[in-house]
Amino acid sequence: MSAVSDLPTPALCVDAADFEHNLTTMTAALAGPRLRPHVKAHKCTAIARLQAAAGHTSFCAATPREIDDLAAAGLGDDLLLALEVVDAGRLARLARLEARVTVAVDSIATVDAAADAGLREVLVDVDVGLPRCGCRPAESGRIAAHAAQRGLDVRGVMGYEGHAVGLPDRSRRAELCTQAMERLAEAHAVVGGDIVSAGGTGTYDVNTFATEIQAGSYVLMDTAYAQLDIPFRIALGVVATVVSVSDDYAVADCGLKALGMDHGNPEVEGGAVWFCSDEHLTFAPDDDHPVRVGDRVRVVPAHVDPTVAYHERIHLVSDGVVVDVWPVDLRGW
């Protein structure tokens, strides 16, 4: 074991107590198959194994690489690739895995790609209000029928209310979630199947329509989700070293190449962030938290998913000591 203060920085660290709190809190709320953890948030088979040990043995993934490596890690009981893929080689590889693999489809072309590759199971992906992938509810029956004609088992539908999950106002979040699920229910009534897959960390407790919730960020958290009234703690932070100090600001070695910035600036404990550069984070220390060159600061990202993807390993920390190191082994595509 080593001290956090000895780690080369920037270093991705997770507080063991907060991590365990998040894991057990979600398991109590969504037991067993009610939660299909989305591994895109942590990209780590060590964390996925802990989720499986808690009873969540089905997983959601965003990339073929994540599916490949989950299967190789023995976590292939029920894997969902929640992304439309038309790369014939990648799809054929997924079809050869010793795992149960279901893929999302939202068009005749994506159905044909899955069938031609030898895959056997699909979910019809429905646009529920987020302008991303997904067919219109009215098109879902035609897509499902074509999938059945191609010999695919249509397990049900999926839809992601991503436009709702991050809204701090709970009533508005619930309202938009309900509207989204009404669209998904319309499609499910036509498509059928046992699965209605939807949701995320922000709507895990207000989405009562979906049979399974695709939450991922809950186990690590970030400052964007911390604005919501949900019972999860910020477990993840990037430990950085102060490398320069001026009269009214300081600079730490944790910049754009170590942080997901699409949700805004990170936060620094004991200071106010001014801006981030490639390798630098410029912040104004609080009056009661002066810093010197060589001091360590904890930087909390606004978006956990891309932040984790920048790093090769996660350090599990308890009382300032590294108690385990988890490879971020699901990186890449």
Protein backbone atom coordinates (compact mmCIF):
# COMPACT_ATOMS: atom_id res chain seq x y z
CA MET A 1 0.00 0.00 0.00
CA SER A 2 1.11 3.55 -0.68
CA ALA A 3 0.02 6.98 0.46
CA VAL A 4 -2.07 9.16 -1.83
CA SER A 5 0.53 11.86 -1.26
CA ASP A 6 3.09 9.67 -3.03
CA LEU A 7 1.09 9.17 -6.23
CA PRO A 8 2.27 10.78 -9.47
CA THR A 9 -0.29 13.40 -10.44
CA PRO A 10 -2.83 13.86 -11.86
CA ALA A 11 -4.16 10.68 -10.22
CA LEU A 12 -7.71 9.39 -10.40
CA CYS A 13 -8.82 8.43 -6.89
CA VAL A 14 -12.03 7.01 -5.43
CA ASP A 15 -12.93 7.21 -1.78
CA ALA A 16 -13.69 3.68 -0.57
CA ALA A 17 -16.38 4.64 1.94
CA ASP A 18 -18.27 6.88 -0.49
CA PHE A 19 -18.01 4.25 -3.23
CA GLU A 20 -19.46 1.58 -0.92
CA HIS A 21 -22.26 3.95 0.13
CA ASN A 22 -23.21 4.54 -3.51
CA LEU A 23 -23.09 0.85 -4.36
CA THR A 24 -25.28 -0.25 -1.46
CA THR A 25 -27.70 2.68 -1.74
CA MET A 26 -28.48 1.91 -5.37
CA THR A 27 -28.73 -1.82 -4.71
CA ALA A 28 -31.29 -1.14 -2.00
CA ALA A 29 -33.30 1.05 -4.37
CA LEU A 30 -33.04 -1.10 -7.52
CA ALA A 31 -32.36 -4.70 -6.63
CA GLY A 32 -31.02 -7.31 -9.01
CA PRO A 33 -32.21 -6.97 -12.62
CA ARG A 34 -34.02 -3.67 -11.95
CA LEU A 35 -30.60 -2.09 -12.45
CA ARG A 36 -28.58 -2.68 -15.61
CA PRO A 37 -25.38 -0.78 -14.69
CA HIS A 38 -23.97 1.28 -17.54
CA VAL A 39 -20.22 0.66 -17.63
CA LYS A 40 -19.49 3.70 -19.79
CA ALA A 41 -19.29 5.73 -16.57
CA HIS A 42 -16.48 3.78 -14.93
CA LYS A 43 -15.00 1.67 -17.79
CA CYS A 44 -13.62 -0.76 -15.24
CA THR A 45 -14.22 -4.51 -14.93
CA ALA A 46 -13.19 -4.42 -11.26
CA ILE A 47 -16.14 -2.12 -10.53
CA ALA A 48 -18.41 -4.19 -12.76
CA ARG A 49 -17.52 -7.29 -10.72
CA LEU A 50 -18.53 -5.48 -7.54
CA GLN A 51 -21.82 -4.50 -9.15
CA ALA A 52 -22.38 -8.10 -10.21
CA ALA A 53 -21.60 -9.28 -6.67
CA ALA A 54 -24.33 -6.90 -5.50
CA GLY A 55 -26.81 -8.74 -7.73
CA HIS A 56 -26.65 -6.70 -10.94
CA THR A 57 -25.44 -9.29 -13.44
CA SER A 58 -26.70 -7.61 -16.62
CA PHE A 59 -24.73 -4.70 -18.01
CA CYS A 60 -25.20 -1.85 -20.46
CA ALA A 61 -22.32 -0.68 -22.62
CA ALA A 62 -21.63 2.13 -25.07
CA THR A 63 -18.90 0.57 -27.22
CA PRO A 64 -18.09 -2.80 -28.77
CA ARG A 65 -14.82 -2.73 -26.81
CA GLU A 66 -16.74 -2.60 -23.54
CA ILE A 67 -18.83 -5.60 -24.61
CA ASP A 68 -15.73 -7.54 -25.69
CA ASP A 69 -13.91 -7.01 -22.43
CA LEU A 70 -16.90 -7.59 -20.18
CA ALA A 71 -17.36 -10.95 -21.86
CA ALA A 72 -13.65 -11.75 -21.52
CA ALA A 73 -13.89 -10.92 -17.81
CA GLY A 74 -16.66 -13.48 -17.35
CA LEU A 75 -19.40 -10.85 -17.05
CA GLY A 76 -21.32 -11.82 -20.15
CA ASP A 77 -24.58 -13.13 -18.70
CA ASP A 78 -26.64 -10.39 -20.36
CA LEU A 79 -24.89 -7.55 -22.19
CA LEU A 80 -26.65 -4.70 -23.98
CA LEU A 81 -24.83 -2.55 -26.53
CA ALA A 82 -26.94 0.60 -26.28
CA LEU A 83 -25.46 2.11 -29.42
CA GLU A 84 -26.29 1.57 -33.06
CA VAL A 85 -23.34 -0.09 -34.81
CA VAL A 86 -23.01 -0.87 -38.51
CA ASP A 87 -19.37 -2.00 -38.58
CA ALA A 88 -19.67 -5.55 -39.93
CA GLY A 89 -16.40 -6.73 -38.42
CA ARG A 90 -17.17 -5.48 -34.95
CA LEU A 91 -20.70 -6.87 -34.99
CA ALA A 92 -19.47 -10.26 -36.20
CA ARG A 93 -16.97 -10.33 -33.36
CA LEU A 94 -19.75 -9.67 -30.85
CA ALA A 95 -21.77 -12.51 -32.36
CA ARG A 96 -18.87 -14.91 -31.73
CA LEU A 97 -18.47 -14.03 -28.07
CA GLU A 98 -19.32 -16.56 -25.39
CA ALA A 99 -21.85 -14.16 -23.96
CA ARG A 100 -25.44 -13.08 -24.38
CA VAL A 101 -25.28 -9.92 -26.46
CA THR A 102 -28.24 -7.73 -27.36
CA VAL A 103 -27.79 -4.69 -29.58
CA ALA A 104 -29.87 -1.56 -30.09
CA VAL A 105 -31.44 -1.00 -33.51
CA ASP A 106 -33.42 1.97 -34.77
CA SER A 107 -33.65 1.42 -38.53
CA ILE A 108 -33.90 -1.25 -41.20
CA ALA A 109 -30.19 -0.74 -41.88
CA THR A 110 -29.13 -1.40 -38.29
CA VAL A 111 -31.40 -4.46 -38.12
CA ASP A 112 -29.82 -5.83 -41.29
CA ALA A 113 -26.32 -5.14 -39.97
CA ALA A 114 -27.07 -7.09 -36.79
CA ALA A 115 -28.69 -9.99 -38.64
CA ASP A 116 -25.94 -10.21 -41.26
CA ALA A 117 -23.34 -10.36 -38.49
CA GLY A 118 -25.03 -13.35 -36.86
CA LEU A 119 -26.36 -11.58 -33.78
CA ARG A 120 -29.57 -13.01 -32.37
CA GLU A 121 -31.20 -10.45 -30.08
CA VAL A 122 -32.09 -6.77 -30.36
CA LEU A 123 -33.94 -3.97 -28.60
CA VAL A 124 -35.73 -1.35 -30.66
CA ASP A 125 -34.25 2.02 -29.70
CA VAL A 126 -36.89 4.75 -29.53
CA ASP A 127 -36.51 8.53 -29.63
CA VAL A 128 -38.12 9.69 -26.38
CA GLY A 129 -37.14 13.33 -26.62
CA LEU A 130 -33.34 13.46 -26.71
CA PRO A 131 -32.18 14.23 -30.27
CA ARG A 132 -29.80 11.32 -30.56
CA CYS A 133 -30.32 7.76 -31.79
CA GLY A 134 -33.77 6.18 -31.75
CA CYS A 135 -36.69 5.80 -34.12
CA ARG A 136 -40.02 7.57 -33.82
CA PRO A 137 -42.55 5.52 -31.82
CA ALA A 138 -44.69 5.15 -34.94
CA GLU A 139 -41.78 3.46 -36.75
CA SER A 140 -40.99 0.97 -34.01
CA GLY A 141 -43.46 -1.69 -35.16
CA ARG A 142 -42.10 -1.75 -38.70
CA ILE A 143 -38.52 -2.08 -37.41
CA ALA A 144 -39.49 -4.84 -34.99
CA ALA A 145 -41.36 -6.71 -37.70
CA HIS A 146 -38.36 -6.54 -40.01
CA ALA A 147 -36.12 -7.81 -37.23
CA ALA A 148 -38.42 -10.78 -36.69
CA GLN A 149 -38.41 -11.48 -40.44
CA ARG A 150 -34.61 -11.54 -40.32
CA GLY A 151 -34.74 -14.15 -37.56
CA LEU A 152 -33.88 -11.84 -34.67
CA ASP A 153 -35.50 -12.05 -31.25
CA VAL A 154 -36.88 -8.62 -30.35
CA ARG A 155 -36.54 -8.50 -26.57
CA GLY A 156 -38.33 -5.18 -26.19
CA VAL A 157 -37.58 -1.48 -26.41
CA MET A 158 -35.18 1.07 -25.00
CA GLY A 159 -35.11 4.84 -24.81
CA TYR A 160 -32.98 7.34 -22.95
CA GLU A 161 -34.48 10.44 -21.35
CA GLY A 162 -31.10 12.16 -21.35
CA HIS A 163 -32.74 15.56 -21.66
CA ALA A 164 -34.30 15.01 -18.23
CA VAL A 165 -31.72 13.17 -16.12
CA GLY A 166 -29.62 16.21 -15.22
CA LEU A 167 -32.34 18.72 -14.32
CA PRO A 168 -31.92 19.90 -10.71
CA ASP A 169 -35.65 20.58 -10.29
CA ARG A 170 -37.10 17.19 -9.28
CA SER A 171 -40.66 17.96 -10.36
CA ARG A 172 -39.53 19.08 -13.82
CA ARG A 173 -37.23 16.06 -14.07
CA ALA A 174 -40.10 13.74 -13.21
CA GLU A 175 -42.45 15.53 -15.63
CA LEU A 176 -40.10 15.18 -18.60
CA CYS A 177 -39.31 11.59 -17.64
CA THR A 178 -43.02 10.76 -17.63
CA GLN A 179 -43.48 12.34 -21.04
CA ALA A 180 -40.52 10.36 -22.38
CA MET A 181 -41.85 7.10 -20.99
CA GLU A 182 -45.24 7.76 -22.55
CA ARG A 183 -43.47 7.75 -25.91
CA LEU A 184 -41.64 4.57 -25.00
CA ALA A 185 -44.87 2.93 -23.81
CA GLU A 186 -46.44 3.74 -27.18
CA ALA A 187 -43.64 1.85 -28.91
CA HIS A 188 -43.64 -1.01 -26.42
CA ALA A 189 -47.35 -1.60 -26.97
CA VAL A 190 -46.55 -2.36 -30.61
CA VAL A 191 -43.15 -4.03 -30.30
CA GLY A 192 -43.83 -6.15 -27.20
CA GLY A 193 -41.13 -8.04 -25.37
CA ASP A 194 -40.14 -8.37 -21.74
CA ILE A 195 -37.67 -5.48 -21.60
CA VAL A 196 -38.25 -1.75 -21.31
CA SER A 197 -34.76 -0.34 -20.81
CA ALA A 198 -34.34 3.34 -19.95
CA GLY A 199 -33.29 5.81 -17.30
CA GLY A 200 -30.07 6.95 -15.73
CA THR A 201 -28.64 8.13 -12.45
CA GLY A 202 -30.76 11.28 -12.41
CA THR A 203 -34.07 9.47 -13.00
CA TYR A 204 -33.40 6.18 -11.24
CA ASP A 205 -36.13 6.90 -8.66
CA VAL A 206 -38.69 8.71 -10.82
CA ASN A 207 -38.71 6.35 -13.79
CA THR A 208 -41.21 3.75 -12.65
CA PHE A 209 -42.19 2.58 -16.14
CA ALA A 210 -38.94 0.98 -17.28
CA THR A 211 -38.32 -2.63 -16.30
CA GLU A 212 -34.61 -1.83 -15.97
CA ILE A 213 -32.66 1.36 -15.33
CA GLN A 214 -29.37 2.05 -17.14
CA ALA A 215 -27.69 4.05 -14.38
CA GLY A 216 -23.91 4.31 -14.40
CA SER A 217 -22.61 7.54 -12.88
CA TYR A 218 -24.18 6.85 -9.47
CA VAL A 219 -21.29 4.72 -8.29
CA LEU A 220 -18.66 7.48 -8.74
CA MET A 221 -20.67 10.70 -9.21
CA ASP A 222 -19.63 14.19 -10.34
CA THR A 223 -20.52 17.81 -9.63
CA ALA A 224 -23.30 17.90 -12.25
CA TYR A 225 -25.20 15.05 -10.63
CA ALA A 226 -24.36 16.36 -7.16
CA GLN A 227 -26.75 19.27 -7.85
CA LEU A 228 -29.66 16.81 -7.84
CA ASP A 229 -31.58 15.60 -4.82
CA ILE A 230 -30.28 12.05 -5.07
CA PRO A 231 -28.59 10.15 -2.22
CA PHE A 232 -25.23 9.45 -3.82
CA ARG A 233 -21.89 10.90 -2.75
CA ILE A 234 -19.07 12.22 -4.87
CA ALA A 235 -16.61 9.35 -4.59
CA LEU A 236 -14.29 10.26 -7.44
CA GLY A 237 -11.74 13.04 -7.64
CA VAL A 238 -8.48 13.78 -9.38
CA VAL A 239 -5.59 14.41 -7.05
CA ALA A 240 -3.36 17.17 -8.43
CA THR A 241 -0.19 18.94 -7.35
CA VAL A 242 0.11 22.71 -6.99
CA VAL A 243 2.98 23.65 -9.31
CA SER A 244 2.84 27.45 -9.21
CA VAL A 245 1.55 30.09 -6.78
CA SER A 246 0.99 33.79 -7.45
CA ASP A 247 -0.47 36.58 -5.35
CA ASP A 248 -4.11 35.82 -6.08
CA TYR A 249 -4.14 32.45 -7.83
CA ALA A 250 -2.44 29.08 -7.98
CA VAL A 251 -1.92 26.46 -10.69
CA ALA A 252 -2.29 22.69 -10.38
CA ASP A 253 -1.16 20.01 -12.84
CA CYS A 254 -4.65 18.84 -13.80
CA GLY A 255 -6.01 20.30 -17.00
CA LEU A 256 -8.11 19.47 -20.03
CA LYS A 257 -6.24 16.21 -20.69
CA ALA A 258 -7.26 14.84 -17.29
CA LEU A 259 -10.85 16.11 -17.01
CA GLY A 260 -14.13 15.81 -18.87
CA MET A 261 -15.10 19.45 -19.47
CA ASP A 262 -18.31 19.21 -21.50
CA HIS A 263 -20.41 19.91 -18.37
CA GLY A 264 -18.29 22.86 -17.32
CA ASN A 265 -15.38 23.54 -15.02
CA PRO A 266 -14.40 21.15 -12.26
CA GLU A 267 -14.38 22.15 -8.62
CA VAL A 268 -11.34 22.38 -6.34
CA GLU A 269 -11.76 21.81 -2.66
CA GLY A 270 -10.68 25.02 -0.93
CA GLY A 271 -10.68 27.22 -4.02
CA ALA A 272 -12.54 28.66 -7.01
CA VAL A 273 -11.58 27.45 -10.48
CA TRP A 274 -10.82 30.16 -13.01
CA PHE A 275 -10.08 28.05 -16.09
CA CYS A 276 -8.35 24.92 -17.38
CA SER A 277 -5.61 24.66 -19.99
CA ASP A 278 -4.14 21.50 -21.50
CA GLU A 279 -2.06 20.58 -18.45
CA HIS A 280 -2.94 23.38 -16.06
CA LEU A 281 -5.81 24.24 -13.74
CA THR A 282 -5.81 27.85 -12.55
CA PHE A 283 -7.74 28.53 -9.36
CA ALA A 284 -8.05 31.12 -6.60
CA PRO A 285 -7.48 29.52 -3.17
CA ASP A 286 -9.93 30.46 -0.45
CA ASP A 287 -8.54 32.89 2.12
CA ASP A 288 -8.62 30.18 4.77
CA HIS A 289 -7.03 27.58 2.44
CA PRO A 290 -3.70 29.05 1.26
CA VAL A 291 -1.54 26.71 -0.80
CA ARG A 292 2.17 26.32 -1.47
CA VAL A 293 4.03 24.75 -4.36
CA GLY A 294 3.99 21.00 -3.83
CA ASP A 295 0.66 20.87 -1.99
CA ARG A 296 -1.97 18.39 -3.16
CA VAL A 297 -5.53 19.41 -4.03
CA ARG A 298 -8.59 17.33 -4.91
CA VAL A 299 -10.24 18.24 -8.19
CA VAL A 300 -13.82 17.06 -8.71
CA PRO A 301 -14.95 16.84 -12.35
CA ALA A 302 -18.30 18.00 -13.64
CA HIS A 303 -18.67 14.91 -15.85
CA VAL A 304 -17.36 11.59 -14.61
CA ASP A 305 -17.61 9.49 -17.81
CA PRO A 306 -15.08 11.27 -20.05
CA THR A 307 -12.87 12.03 -17.05
CA VAL A 308 -12.41 8.34 -16.28
CA ALA A 309 -11.70 7.62 -19.95
CA TYR A 310 -8.62 9.89 -19.81
CA HIS A 311 -6.97 7.75 -17.11
CA GLU A 312 -5.35 4.32 -17.08
CA ARG A 313 -6.16 3.38 -13.50
CA ILE A 314 -8.35 4.20 -10.53
CA HIS A 315 -6.83 4.31 -7.06
CA LEU A 316 -9.18 3.15 -4.31
CA VAL A 317 -8.39 5.24 -1.25
CA SER A 318 -9.17 4.99 2.45
CA ASP A 319 -7.91 7.53 4.99
CA GLY A 320 -5.20 8.78 2.66
CA VAL A 321 -3.91 5.30 1.80
CA VAL A 322 -4.25 3.52 -1.56
CA VAL A 323 -5.88 0.18 -0.73
CA ASP A 324 -6.37 -1.07 -4.29
CA VAL A 325 -5.67 -0.12 -7.89
CA TRP A 326 -8.27 -0.83 -10.57
CA PRO A 327 -7.26 -0.71 -14.24
CA VAL A 328 -9.55 1.37 -16.45
CA ASP A 329 -9.57 -1.57 -18.84
CA LEU A 330 -12.70 -0.79 -20.88
CA ARG A 331 -11.23 2.26 -22.60
CA GLY A 332 -11.29 2.59 -26.36
CA TRP A 333 -13.86 1.56 -28.97
